[in-house]
Amino acid sequence: MRGAFARETAALQRGAHNSPRIGDAGGIQPPVLCFTTYMPDSKHYMDMCEGPLLGKMIRFAVPYFCSNVLQLLFHAADLIVVGRYASHQAMAAIGSTSSLTILCINILLGLSVGSSVISSQFYGAKKYKSLERTIHTAMLVAIFGGLFMALFGLLFSHAMLKQMGSPDDVIGKSTLYMQIIFGGMMFQMLYNYGSAILRAVGDTKRPLYYLSFAGIVNVVLNLFFVIRLNMDVAGVAIATVISHAISAVLVWNAIRTGDESFHLDFHKVAMDWSIFKRMLSIGVPAGLQGACFSFSNIVVQSSVNSFGSIVMAGNAAAMSVEGMVYIGSACFHFTSLSFVGQNFGGKQYARISKCIIYALILVSILCETMGLGCYFFGKQILSIYNPDPDVIIWGLKRMSILFTTYALCGMMDVVCGALRGLGYSTVPFLLTFFSVCVMRVVWIGTVFRVHRTIPVLMLSYPISWILATLTNGILLYYACKRLNKAKRRIV
């Protein structure tokens, strides 16, 4: 771990001395990339290197927050429709696939984080030709990655769910839901990669508009397929895939018709291997870090499965509501990543610490307010998903532990986002792996094994958030300190 930190720090310092090597993480040294000094004047983009920080961060975060709310409503609409118009087995089937689905796609979505970091650094440094090549490489990765995940999901969904211990009355519906969702995975990849690039250059509004339209379509199709055609899990899965396809087409078109300084051109879609290596150096550790969370969640979900379908249904409903609260955390993770990335690329090092401090304050306020609000109104909220009193009781047990401590999750994500914006990725992954994945598995094998209750199981979450925040926070402190020293040597 010390060697990885030294390599990433050396790369960071090289970036401070030599602009073509900005964000040169993990020791990879791509060749000098050509660039233009043309400054785009599109109203959709945001220069994060100049002007008041706090106001720009809020203007960036609000549309991103709303976009993620709508994206999460895709899954929430699935649960609500089947919870009210189908069986609790169908609801449990959909809820039990979440952790596994996220685990399977996290590596490829991690590469979208890599493309976002590179895009924000190139935009901050005004290297628009390099940014354009990043866009074409990212779209090609999204297409082939989505096709691979479709094949993988179709072939292995049942075996993976069986390994998780899904009950016999649930596994058939769970398998069908996963296979349909994975069948349309390319659309989800195209949207996530495309929207990551738009947000890296400060455009958070258009992804919001596109998801608003796609979300309405998703809800209407859910109701039609389930109520009118009696398709339960198959119906909501097909509706979700169609919605993803709509949002993907809209985002693709936005990049294709973007500012003349950088945009998507079908004839230029090709693999730039130097940029792809940089995407891998940042994105693979980021994806593995996300996979750590997902793997630990699968272990937790397997423990929840042992309590039966009623507990599974309550846990699924609480997880869906929790996703709403987590959006605040994810929102400022990406805000800190984009603002730190652009200011690092533009060599505005004095603004980086302010970006981090503002993000920590804002995310703590937002996550704690949302978490406590959802917990206090938890009974009413959970009844929207399923009116069964037993389902509500078990959902509240999860909420009582996680929702009251969600500011910890937000701080963890801001710290990790800032590190990625600076170009660090490998060491944060290692720290998070031990703080989150290993810790939760050990907790389940020791404390939960002795005290087999849902609240004890859920305590593994806030404890892991504290550990990950402390360890990554120490790394971030020394990274900023060394960056400032490198800047002073240049001056």
Foldseek 3Di string as FASTA:
>chain_A
DVVQLVLQLVLLLVCLVDLQSFLVHRNAGFDRDAFDQDAFDDPQFDQLQDDDNLVLLVVLLPLLLLLLVLLLVLLVLLLLLCQVQHDLLLNLLSLLCVLVVCLLCLLLLLLLLLLLLVLLLCNLLRGLVVNQLSLLQQLVSLQVVLVVQLVVLLVCVLVVVVVLVADPSRSVLNSLLSNLLSNLSSLLSLLSSLCSNSVLRPRSNQSSVQSVVLSVQLNVQSCCCCVVVVPRSNSSSNSSSVSSNSSSVSSLVCQQPDTPSHGDDPVSNDHDPSSSVSSCSARNLSSLLSSLQSVLVSVLSSLQVVVDSLLSSLQSLLVSLVSSLCSLLVSLLSSLLSSLLSCSSNVVLVCNVVSLVSSLVSSLVSSQVSLVVCLVCVLVSSVSSHVPPSSSVSNSLLSVQPSNQVSLSSLLSSLQSNCVSSNDRNVLSVQLSCLQNVQLVVQCVPVCVVVVDPNSNNNSVSSSSNSSNVVSVVSSVVSSVSSVVSNVVVD
